[in-house]
PDB file of N, CA and C in Angstrom:
ATOM      1  N   MET A   1      -9.102 -24.338  -1.391  1.00  0.00           N
ATOM      2  CA  MET A   1      -8.486 -23.710  -0.240  1.00  0.00           C
ATOM      3  C   MET A   1      -7.759 -22.443  -0.649  1.00  0.00           C
ATOM      4  N   GLY A   2      -7.599 -21.500   0.272  1.00  0.00           N
ATOM      5  CA  GLY A   2      -6.906 -20.251  -0.014  1.00  0.00           C
ATOM      6  C   GLY A   2      -5.408 -20.428   0.014  1.00  0.00           C
ATOM      7  N   SER A   3      -4.721 -19.397  -0.333  1.00  0.00           N
ATOM      8  CA  SER A   3      -3.265 -19.447  -0.385  1.00  0.00           C
ATOM      9  C   SER A   3      -2.645 -19.254   0.989  1.00  0.00           C
ATOM     10  N   GLY A   4      -3.451 -18.890   1.972  1.00  0.00           N
ATOM     11  CA  GLY A   4      -2.935 -18.698   3.308  1.00  0.00           C
ATOM     12  C   GLY A   4      -2.610 -17.247   3.617  1.00  0.00           C
ATOM     13  N   ARG A   5      -2.612 -16.392   2.618  1.00  0.00           N
ATOM     14  CA  ARG A   5      -2.353 -14.977   2.872  1.00  0.00           C
ATOM     15  C   ARG A   5      -3.646 -14.302   3.303  1.00  0.00           C
ATOM     16  N   ALA A   6      -3.554 -13.459   4.315  1.00  0.00           N
ATOM     17  CA  ALA A   6      -4.738 -12.778   4.824  1.00  0.00           C
ATOM     18  C   ALA A   6      -5.212 -11.693   3.868  1.00  0.00           C
ATOM     19  N   HIS A   7      -4.278 -11.073   3.178  1.00  0.00           N
ATOM     20  CA  HIS A   7      -4.625  -9.976   2.272  1.00  0.00           C
ATOM     21  C   HIS A   7      -4.215 -10.332   0.858  1.00  0.00           C
ATOM     22  N   CYS A   8      -4.806  -9.671  -0.102  1.00  0.00           N
ATOM     23  CA  CYS A   8      -4.517  -9.939  -1.500  1.00  0.00           C
ATOM     24  C   CYS A   8      -3.533  -8.937  -2.087  1.00  0.00           C
ATOM     25  N   THR A   9      -2.723  -8.326  -1.254  1.00  0.00           N
ATOM     26  CA  THR A   9      -1.751  -7.371  -1.767  1.00  0.00           C
ATOM     27  C   THR A   9      -0.639  -8.133  -2.478  1.00  0.00           C
ATOM     28  N   PRO A  10      -0.152  -7.602  -3.574  1.00  0.00           N
ATOM     29  CA  PRO A  10       0.909  -8.312  -4.290  1.00  0.00           C
ATOM     30  C   PRO A  10       2.204  -8.313  -3.491  1.00  0.00           C
ATOM     31  N   THR A  11       2.987  -9.332  -3.690  1.00  0.00           N
ATOM     32  CA  THR A  11       4.291  -9.360  -3.031  1.00  0.00           C
ATOM     33  C   THR A  11       5.217  -8.404  -3.763  1.00  0.00           C
ATOM     34  N   ARG A  12       6.355  -8.129  -3.173  1.00  0.00           N
ATOM     35  CA  ARG A  12       7.321  -7.218  -3.787  1.00  0.00           C
ATOM     36  C   ARG A  12       7.726  -7.724  -5.169  1.00  0.00           C
ATOM     37  N   LYS A  13       7.898  -9.039  -5.297  1.00  0.00           N
ATOM     38  CA  LYS A  13       8.302  -9.619  -6.590  1.00  0.00           C
ATOM     39  C   LYS A  13       7.221  -9.403  -7.652  1.00  0.00           C
ATOM     40  N   GLU A  14       5.959  -9.654  -7.290  1.00  0.00           N
ATOM     41  CA  GLU A  14       4.854  -9.459  -8.237  1.00  0.00           C
ATOM     42  C   GLU A  14       4.754  -7.999  -8.664  1.00  0.00           C
ATOM     43  N   THR A  15       4.924  -7.094  -7.729  1.00  0.00           N
ATOM     44  CA  THR A  15       4.827  -5.666  -8.029  1.00  0.00           C
ATOM     45  C   THR A  15       5.965  -5.251  -8.960  1.00  0.00           C
ATOM     46  N   ALA A  16       7.155  -5.699  -8.671  1.00  0.00           N
ATOM     47  CA  ALA A  16       8.324  -5.290  -9.455  1.00  0.00           C
ATOM     48  C   ALA A  16       8.241  -5.785 -10.891  1.00  0.00           C
ATOM     49  N   SER A  17       7.673  -6.950 -11.119  1.00  0.00           N
ATOM     50  CA  SER A  17       7.637  -7.508 -12.465  1.00  0.00           C
ATOM     51  C   SER A  17       6.711  -6.727 -13.393  1.00  0.00           C
ATOM     52  N   GLN A  18       5.733  -6.022 -12.824  1.00  0.00           N
ATOM     53  CA  GLN A  18       4.776  -5.300 -13.660  1.00  0.00           C
ATOM     54  C   GLN A  18       5.022  -3.786 -13.626  1.00  0.00           C
ATOM     55  N   GLN A  19       6.133  -3.384 -13.037  1.00  0.00           N
ATOM     56  CA  GLN A  19       6.385  -1.959 -12.836  1.00  0.00           C
ATOM     57  C   GLN A  19       7.663  -1.521 -13.556  1.00  0.00           C
ATOM     58  N   LYS A  20       7.564  -0.434 -14.295  1.00  0.00           N
ATOM     59  CA  LYS A  20       8.743   0.171 -14.912  1.00  0.00           C
ATOM     60  C   LYS A  20       9.540   0.877 -13.824  1.00  0.00           C
ATOM     61  N   SER A  21      10.806   1.158 -14.115  1.00  0.00           N
ATOM     62  CA  SER A  21      11.537   1.998 -13.184  1.00  0.00           C
ATOM     63  C   SER A  21      10.972   3.416 -13.290  1.00  0.00           C
ATOM     64  N   LEU A  22      11.135   4.184 -12.238  1.00  0.00           N
ATOM     65  CA  LEU A  22      10.568   5.528 -12.206  1.00  0.00           C
ATOM     66  C   LEU A  22      11.100   6.387 -13.350  1.00  0.00           C
ATOM     67  N   SER A  23      12.370   6.192 -13.700  1.00  0.00           N
ATOM     68  CA  SER A  23      12.964   7.003 -14.763  1.00  0.00           C
ATOM     69  C   SER A  23      12.383   6.688 -16.139  1.00  0.00           C
ATOM     70  N   GLU A  24      11.750   5.513 -16.287  1.00  0.00           N
ATOM     71  CA  GLU A  24      11.148   5.118 -17.566  1.00  0.00           C
ATOM     72  C   GLU A  24       9.688   5.555 -17.687  1.00  0.00           C
ATOM     73  N   MET A  25       9.104   6.014 -16.591  1.00  0.00           N
ATOM     74  CA  MET A  25       7.680   6.355 -16.604  1.00  0.00           C
ATOM     75  C   MET A  25       7.453   7.748 -17.180  1.00  0.00           C
ATOM     76  N   SER A  26       6.322   7.879 -17.849  1.00  0.00           N
ATOM     77  CA  SER A  26       5.907   9.201 -18.312  1.00  0.00           C
ATOM     78  C   SER A  26       5.343   9.973 -17.123  1.00  0.00           C
ATOM     79  N   ARG A  27       5.080  11.244 -17.336  1.00  0.00           N
ATOM     80  CA  ARG A  27       4.513  12.072 -16.260  1.00  0.00           C
ATOM     81  C   ARG A  27       3.177  11.493 -15.779  1.00  0.00           C
ATOM     82  N   ASP A  28       2.329  11.071 -16.714  1.00  0.00           N
ATOM     83  CA  ASP A  28       1.026  10.508 -16.341  1.00  0.00           C
ATOM     84  C   ASP A  28       1.181   9.185 -15.595  1.00  0.00           C
ATOM     85  N   GLU A  29       2.134   8.358 -16.031  1.00  0.00           N
ATOM     86  CA  GLU A  29       2.372   7.085 -15.345  1.00  0.00           C
ATOM     87  C   GLU A  29       2.868   7.325 -13.917  1.00  0.00           C
ATOM     88  N   LEU A  30       3.754   8.301 -13.759  1.00  0.00           N
ATOM     89  CA  LEU A  30       4.240   8.641 -12.419  1.00  0.00           C
ATOM     90  C   LEU A  30       3.095   9.118 -11.530  1.00  0.00           C
ATOM     91  N   ALA A  31       2.231   9.971 -12.071  1.00  0.00           N
ATOM     92  CA  ALA A  31       1.097  10.475 -11.299  1.00  0.00           C
ATOM     93  C   ALA A  31       0.188   9.322 -10.863  1.00  0.00           C
ATOM     94  N   ALA A  32      -0.062   8.386 -11.763  1.00  0.00           N
ATOM     95  CA  ALA A  32      -0.907   7.237 -11.443  1.00  0.00           C
ATOM     96  C   ALA A  32      -0.242   6.342 -10.402  1.00  0.00           C
ATOM     97  N   PHE A  33       1.065   6.165 -10.541  1.00  0.00           N
ATOM     98  CA  PHE A  33       1.836   5.360  -9.593  1.00  0.00           C
ATOM     99  C   PHE A  33       1.754   5.967  -8.195  1.00  0.00           C
ATOM    100  N   ILE A  34       1.954   7.281  -8.109  1.00  0.00           N
ATOM    101  CA  ILE A  34       1.894   7.977  -6.818  1.00  0.00           C
ATOM    102  C   ILE A  34       0.490   7.897  -6.234  1.00  0.00           C
ATOM    103  N   ALA A  35      -0.514   8.125  -7.055  1.00  0.00           N
ATOM    104  CA  ALA A  35      -1.901   8.072  -6.578  1.00  0.00           C
ATOM    105  C   ALA A  35      -2.249   6.682  -6.055  1.00  0.00           C
ATOM    106  N   GLY A  36      -1.799   5.650  -6.768  1.00  0.00           N
ATOM    107  CA  GLY A  36      -2.063   4.280  -6.325  1.00  0.00           C
ATOM    108  C   GLY A  36      -1.382   3.972  -5.008  1.00  0.00           C
ATOM    109  N   ASN A  37      -0.144   4.422  -4.869  1.00  0.00           N
ATOM    110  CA  ASN A  37       0.566   4.214  -3.611  1.00  0.00           C
ATOM    111  C   ASN A  37      -0.098   4.973  -2.477  1.00  0.00           C
ATOM    112  N   GLN A  38      -0.523   6.207  -2.737  1.00  0.00           N
ATOM    113  CA  GLN A  38      -1.176   7.001  -1.697  1.00  0.00           C
ATOM    114  C   GLN A  38      -2.479   6.354  -1.264  1.00  0.00           C
ATOM    115  N   ALA A  39      -3.224   5.808  -2.214  1.00  0.00           N
ATOM    116  CA  ALA A  39      -4.479   5.130  -1.878  1.00  0.00           C
ATOM    117  C   ALA A  39      -4.205   3.914  -0.985  1.00  0.00           C
ATOM    118  N   GLU A  40      -3.158   3.170  -1.298  1.00  0.00           N
ATOM    119  CA  GLU A  40      -2.791   2.003  -0.494  1.00  0.00           C
ATOM    120  C   GLU A  40      -2.359   2.439   0.904  1.00  0.00           C
ATOM    121  N   ILE A  41      -1.574   3.503   0.990  1.00  0.00           N
ATOM    122  CA  ILE A  41      -1.138   4.028   2.283  1.00  0.00           C
ATOM    123  C   ILE A  41      -2.345   4.462   3.106  1.00  0.00           C
ATOM    124  N   ASP A  42      -3.272   5.184   2.484  1.00  0.00           N
ATOM    125  CA  ASP A  42      -4.467   5.648   3.193  1.00  0.00           C
ATOM    126  C   ASP A  42      -5.277   4.477   3.728  1.00  0.00           C
ATOM    127  N   LYS A  43      -5.402   3.422   2.917  1.00  0.00           N
ATOM    128  CA  LYS A  43      -6.161   2.247   3.326  1.00  0.00           C
ATOM    129  C   LYS A  43      -5.512   1.574   4.535  1.00  0.00           C
ATOM    130  N   ILE A  44      -4.196   1.419   4.490  1.00  0.00           N
ATOM    131  CA  ILE A  44      -3.475   0.773   5.592  1.00  0.00           C
ATOM    132  C   ILE A  44      -3.526   1.638   6.846  1.00  0.00           C
ATOM    133  N   GLU A  45      -3.356   2.948   6.690  1.00  0.00           N
ATOM    134  CA  GLU A  45      -3.431   3.839   7.851  1.00  0.00           C
ATOM    135  C   GLU A  45      -4.809   3.778   8.506  1.00  0.00           C
ATOM    136  N   ALA A  46      -5.856   3.726   7.700  1.00  0.00           N
ATOM    137  CA  ALA A  46      -7.212   3.637   8.247  1.00  0.00           C
ATOM    138  C   ALA A  46      -7.402   2.325   8.997  1.00  0.00           C
ATOM    139  N   GLU A  47      -6.853   1.240   8.446  1.00  0.00           N
ATOM    140  CA  GLU A  47      -6.967  -0.056   9.113  1.00  0.00           C
ATOM    141  C   GLU A  47      -6.226  -0.038  10.450  1.00  0.00           C
ATOM    142  N   LEU A  48      -5.023   0.519  10.450  1.00  0.00           N
ATOM    143  CA  LEU A  48      -4.256   0.602  11.689  1.00  0.00           C
ATOM    144  C   LEU A  48      -4.940   1.507  12.710  1.00  0.00           C
ATOM    145  N   ALA A  49      -5.495   2.618  12.247  1.00  0.00           N
ATOM    146  CA  ALA A  49      -6.186   3.537  13.153  1.00  0.00           C
ATOM    147  C   ALA A  49      -7.391   2.859  13.801  1.00  0.00           C
ATOM    148  N   SER A  50      -8.060   2.003  13.050  1.00  0.00           N
ATOM    149  CA  SER A  50      -9.236   1.324  13.605  1.00  0.00           C
ATOM    150  C   SER A  50      -8.841   0.317  14.687  1.00  0.00           C
ATOM    151  N   ARG A  51      -7.600  -0.158  14.642  1.00  0.00           N
ATOM    152  CA  ARG A  51      -7.115  -1.101  15.656  1.00  0.00           C
ATOM    153  C   ARG A  51      -6.459  -0.401  16.842  1.00  0.00           C
ATOM    154  N   ALA A  52      -6.202   0.890  16.716  1.00  0.00           N
ATOM    155  CA  ALA A  52      -5.461   1.621  17.737  1.00  0.00           C
ATOM    156  C   ALA A  52      -6.225   1.675  19.058  1.00  0.00           C
ATOM    157  N   LYS A  53      -5.483   1.736  20.124  1.00  0.00           N
ATOM    158  CA  LYS A  53      -6.063   1.806  21.458  1.00  0.00           C
ATOM    159  C   LYS A  53      -5.585   3.113  22.096  1.00  0.00           C
ATOM    160  N   ASP A  54      -6.493   3.865  22.646  1.00  0.00           N
ATOM    161  CA  ASP A  54      -6.150   5.132  23.275  1.00  0.00           C
ATOM    162  C   ASP A  54      -5.471   4.866  24.619  1.00  0.00           C
ATOM    163  N   VAL A  55      -4.211   5.255  24.691  1.00  0.00           N
ATOM    164  CA  VAL A  55      -3.480   5.081  25.956  1.00  0.00           C
ATOM    165  C   VAL A  55      -3.096   6.437  26.537  1.00  0.00           C
ATOM    166  N   SER A  56      -3.703   7.499  26.031  1.00  0.00           N
ATOM    167  CA  SER A  56      -3.341   8.847  26.498  1.00  0.00           C
ATOM    168  C   SER A  56      -3.687   9.050  27.970  1.00  0.00           C
ATOM    169  N   TYR A  57      -4.647   8.317  28.475  1.00  0.00           N
ATOM    170  CA  TYR A  57      -5.030   8.451  29.876  1.00  0.00           C
ATOM    171  C   TYR A  57      -3.982   7.883  30.830  1.00  0.00           C
ATOM    172  N   LEU A  58      -3.035   7.097  30.302  1.00  0.00           N
ATOM    173  CA  LEU A  58      -2.005   6.489  31.136  1.00  0.00           C
ATOM    174  C   LEU A  58      -0.928   7.484  31.537  1.00  0.00           C
ATOM    175  N   GLY A  59      -0.740   8.557  30.771  1.00  0.00           N
ATOM    176  CA  GLY A  59       0.346   9.504  31.012  1.00  0.00           C
ATOM    177  C   GLY A  59      -0.027  10.465  32.079  1.00  0.00           C
TER     178      GLY A  59
END
């Protein structure tokens, strides 16, 4: 059986345990961290956009 979570995104605790603080990261690590976050944001925005309903005709 599954864990009951719909998505496989790590929880805040799981993410924090494998992540250095920003001040400890090298320039390359920071760039990778930002790129990974941006990719996740883009994925979530695309998912939300696909669920969006056009209500502009109501105004």
